[in-house]
Structure formats: structure tokens, C-alpha cells
N, C-alpha and C. Protein backbone atom coordinates (compact mmCIF):
# COMPACT_ATOMS: atom_id res chain seq x y z
N MET A 1 59.34 -18.58 -56.19
CA MET A 1 60.15 -17.53 -55.68
C MET A 1 59.32 -16.25 -55.59
N THR A 2 59.52 -15.47 -54.49
CA THR A 2 58.75 -14.24 -54.29
C THR A 2 59.52 -13.06 -54.85
N GLU A 3 58.81 -12.24 -55.59
CA GLU A 3 59.44 -11.08 -56.21
C GLU A 3 59.27 -9.87 -55.28
N GLN A 4 60.36 -9.13 -55.03
CA GLN A 4 60.28 -7.92 -54.20
C GLN A 4 60.30 -6.70 -55.09
N ARG A 5 59.43 -5.77 -54.81
CA ARG A 5 59.39 -4.53 -55.58
C ARG A 5 59.88 -3.39 -54.71
N ASP A 6 60.52 -2.43 -55.36
CA ASP A 6 60.96 -1.22 -54.67
C ASP A 6 59.83 -0.21 -54.73
N THR A 7 58.93 -0.27 -53.76
CA THR A 7 57.82 0.67 -53.73
C THR A 7 57.93 1.50 -52.46
N PRO A 8 57.60 2.77 -52.57
CA PRO A 8 57.66 3.61 -51.38
C PRO A 8 56.58 3.20 -50.39
N SER A 9 56.83 3.48 -49.10
CA SER A 9 55.83 3.15 -48.09
C SER A 9 54.64 4.08 -48.24
N ASP A 10 53.58 3.73 -47.60
CA ASP A 10 52.36 4.53 -47.65
C ASP A 10 52.64 5.91 -47.07
N PRO A 11 52.45 6.99 -47.83
CA PRO A 11 52.77 8.33 -47.35
C PRO A 11 52.01 8.72 -46.09
N ALA A 12 50.79 8.28 -45.93
CA ALA A 12 50.01 8.65 -44.75
C ALA A 12 50.66 8.10 -43.48
N ASP A 13 51.16 6.87 -43.52
CA ASP A 13 51.82 6.28 -42.37
C ASP A 13 53.14 6.99 -42.08
N HIS A 14 53.86 7.34 -43.11
CA HIS A 14 55.17 7.97 -42.97
C HIS A 14 55.05 9.36 -42.35
N ASP A 15 54.03 10.12 -42.76
CA ASP A 15 53.86 11.48 -42.25
C ASP A 15 53.59 11.50 -40.75
N THR A 16 52.79 10.60 -40.26
CA THR A 16 52.46 10.61 -38.84
C THR A 16 53.66 10.24 -37.99
N GLU A 17 54.55 9.42 -38.51
CA GLU A 17 55.74 9.03 -37.75
C GLU A 17 56.79 10.14 -37.75
N ALA A 18 56.85 10.94 -38.79
CA ALA A 18 57.90 11.94 -38.92
C ALA A 18 57.61 13.20 -38.10
N ARG A 19 56.37 13.47 -37.79
CA ARG A 19 56.03 14.69 -37.06
C ARG A 19 56.27 14.52 -35.57
N PRO A 20 57.04 15.40 -34.97
CA PRO A 20 57.25 15.30 -33.52
C PRO A 20 56.02 15.78 -32.76
N GLU A 21 55.86 15.30 -31.57
CA GLU A 21 54.75 15.73 -30.73
C GLU A 21 54.97 17.19 -30.34
N PRO A 22 53.94 18.01 -30.35
CA PRO A 22 54.11 19.40 -29.90
C PRO A 22 54.42 19.44 -28.41
N LYS A 23 55.34 20.31 -28.01
CA LYS A 23 55.73 20.43 -26.61
C LYS A 23 55.00 21.60 -25.98
N ASP A 24 54.74 21.47 -24.68
CA ASP A 24 54.10 22.56 -23.94
C ASP A 24 55.19 23.51 -23.48
N THR A 25 55.34 24.62 -24.19
CA THR A 25 56.37 25.60 -23.84
C THR A 25 55.73 26.95 -23.58
N GLY A 26 54.65 26.94 -22.84
CA GLY A 26 53.94 28.17 -22.54
C GLY A 26 54.72 29.05 -21.58
N PRO A 27 54.23 30.27 -21.35
CA PRO A 27 54.94 31.21 -20.50
C PRO A 27 55.02 30.77 -19.05
N GLY A 28 54.20 29.83 -18.63
CA GLY A 28 54.21 29.37 -17.25
C GLY A 28 55.14 28.19 -17.03
N ASP A 29 56.11 28.01 -17.90
CA ASP A 29 57.02 26.88 -17.80
C ASP A 29 57.78 26.93 -16.48
N ALA A 30 57.73 25.86 -15.73
CA ALA A 30 58.37 25.81 -14.41
C ALA A 30 59.88 25.99 -14.51
N GLY A 31 60.50 25.49 -15.56
CA GLY A 31 61.95 25.64 -15.72
C GLY A 31 62.34 27.10 -15.90
N ASP A 32 61.56 27.83 -16.68
CA ASP A 32 61.84 29.26 -16.87
C ASP A 32 61.68 30.02 -15.57
N GLU A 33 60.66 29.68 -14.81
CA GLU A 33 60.43 30.35 -13.54
C GLU A 33 61.57 30.08 -12.57
N ALA A 34 62.05 28.85 -12.55
CA ALA A 34 63.16 28.50 -11.66
C ALA A 34 64.42 29.25 -12.07
N ASN A 35 64.67 29.37 -13.36
CA ASN A 35 65.83 30.11 -13.83
C ASN A 35 65.73 31.58 -13.45
N ASP A 36 64.55 32.16 -13.59
CA ASP A 36 64.35 33.56 -13.20
C ASP A 36 64.63 33.76 -11.72
N LEU A 37 64.15 32.82 -10.90
CA LEU A 37 64.37 32.92 -9.46
C LEU A 37 65.86 32.82 -9.13
N ARG A 38 66.55 31.87 -9.74
CA ARG A 38 68.00 31.72 -9.49
C ARG A 38 68.75 32.96 -9.92
N PHE A 39 68.39 33.52 -11.06
CA PHE A 39 69.05 34.72 -11.56
C PHE A 39 68.83 35.88 -10.59
N SER A 40 67.61 36.02 -10.11
CA SER A 40 67.28 37.10 -9.18
C SER A 40 68.08 36.96 -7.88
N GLU A 41 68.15 35.73 -7.36
CA GLU A 41 68.91 35.50 -6.13
C GLU A 41 70.39 35.77 -6.33
N GLU A 42 70.92 35.35 -7.47
CA GLU A 42 72.33 35.59 -7.76
C GLU A 42 72.61 37.09 -7.88
N GLU A 43 71.71 37.80 -8.51
CA GLU A 43 71.87 39.24 -8.66
C GLU A 43 71.86 39.93 -7.29
N GLN A 44 70.99 39.48 -6.39
CA GLN A 44 70.96 40.04 -5.04
C GLN A 44 72.28 39.78 -4.31
N LEU A 45 72.82 38.58 -4.46
CA LEU A 45 74.09 38.25 -3.81
C LEU A 45 75.22 39.13 -4.34
N ILE A 46 75.23 39.36 -5.64
CA ILE A 46 76.26 40.21 -6.25
C ILE A 46 76.17 41.62 -5.68
N HIS A 47 74.98 42.16 -5.59
CA HIS A 47 74.81 43.51 -5.04
C HIS A 47 75.22 43.57 -3.57
N GLU A 48 74.92 42.52 -2.82
CA GLU A 48 75.33 42.46 -1.41
C GLU A 48 76.86 42.44 -1.30
N GLN A 49 77.52 41.68 -2.16
CA GLN A 49 78.99 41.64 -2.15
C GLN A 49 79.58 43.00 -2.50
N ILE A 50 78.99 43.67 -3.45
CA ILE A 50 79.47 45.02 -3.82
C ILE A 50 79.32 45.97 -2.65
N ARG A 51 78.17 45.91 -1.97
CA ARG A 51 77.93 46.79 -0.82
C ARG A 51 78.94 46.51 0.29
N ARG A 52 79.18 45.24 0.59
CA ARG A 52 80.16 44.88 1.63
C ARG A 52 81.56 45.34 1.25
N HIS A 53 81.91 45.17 -0.01
CA HIS A 53 83.23 45.58 -0.47
C HIS A 53 83.41 47.09 -0.29
N ARG A 54 82.40 47.86 -0.66
CA ARG A 54 82.46 49.32 -0.49
C ARG A 54 82.60 49.70 0.97
N GLU A 55 81.80 49.06 1.83
CA GLU A 55 81.86 49.36 3.26
C GLU A 55 83.24 49.04 3.83
N GLU A 56 83.79 47.92 3.44
CA GLU A 56 85.13 47.53 3.91
C GLU A 56 86.18 48.51 3.43
N ARG A 57 86.10 48.94 2.18
CA ARG A 57 87.04 49.90 1.63
C ARG A 57 86.94 51.24 2.36
N GLU A 58 85.72 51.69 2.60
CA GLU A 58 85.52 52.95 3.32
C GLU A 58 86.06 52.85 4.75
N ARG A 59 85.85 51.71 5.39
CA ARG A 59 86.35 51.52 6.75
C ARG A 59 87.87 51.58 6.78
N ARG A 60 88.52 50.92 5.81
CA ARG A 60 90.00 50.96 5.74
C ARG A 60 90.50 52.37 5.49
N GLU A 61 89.82 53.09 4.60
CA GLU A 61 90.24 54.47 4.31
C GLU A 61 90.12 55.35 5.55
N ARG A 62 89.04 55.16 6.34
CA ARG A 62 88.89 55.94 7.57
C ARG A 62 90.00 55.59 8.56
N MET A 63 90.31 54.29 8.65
CA MET A 63 91.36 53.86 9.57
C MET A 63 92.72 54.45 9.16
N GLU A 64 92.98 54.52 7.88
CA GLU A 64 94.24 55.08 7.39
C GLU A 64 94.35 56.57 7.70
N ARG A 65 93.21 57.26 7.72
CA ARG A 65 93.20 58.68 8.02
C ARG A 65 93.17 58.94 9.51
N GLY A 66 93.09 57.89 10.33
CA GLY A 66 93.10 58.06 11.77
C GLY A 66 91.73 58.19 12.38
N GLU A 67 90.70 57.99 11.60
CA GLU A 67 89.34 58.07 12.13
C GLU A 67 88.94 56.70 12.65
N LYS A 68 88.03 56.67 13.57
CA LYS A 68 87.51 55.40 14.09
C LYS A 68 86.23 55.06 13.36
N GLY A 69 86.05 53.77 13.06
CA GLY A 69 84.87 53.33 12.33
C GLY A 69 83.91 52.71 13.17
């Protein structure tokens, strides 16, 4: 009959398996750049909508006062 012992595994083998691989998260990350671009485009659209809303409001106010736009 074979006897089994409760012995811990070799620590050197265990350490290499437990450490995750380092990730490349430098400042040139393409995902960050894409997010910055999307944010910039969205911000431009928001400002364009605000400008259009103001122009429309001013046009209506002029029309109410009898002025032509």
C-alpha cells in the first residue's frame, strides 16, 4: 500500500503560477485614445445642439416681437 503525505507543493513552482502577467497599459493605449476621441466628438455635438437651441429660441422671440428672421 502507498502512503500519502500532506506536504506542501514546491514554493518555487507555486509562485510562478500565482503571478499574473504584466499588462501593457502605457499612455499610448489605443483604447484610451479611442475613448478620448469619442468624448471629444460627443462634446462637440452637445455644443452644436446648444448653439442650435439658442438660435431657434432667438428666432422665435424675434417672430413673437414681429421682427423677421
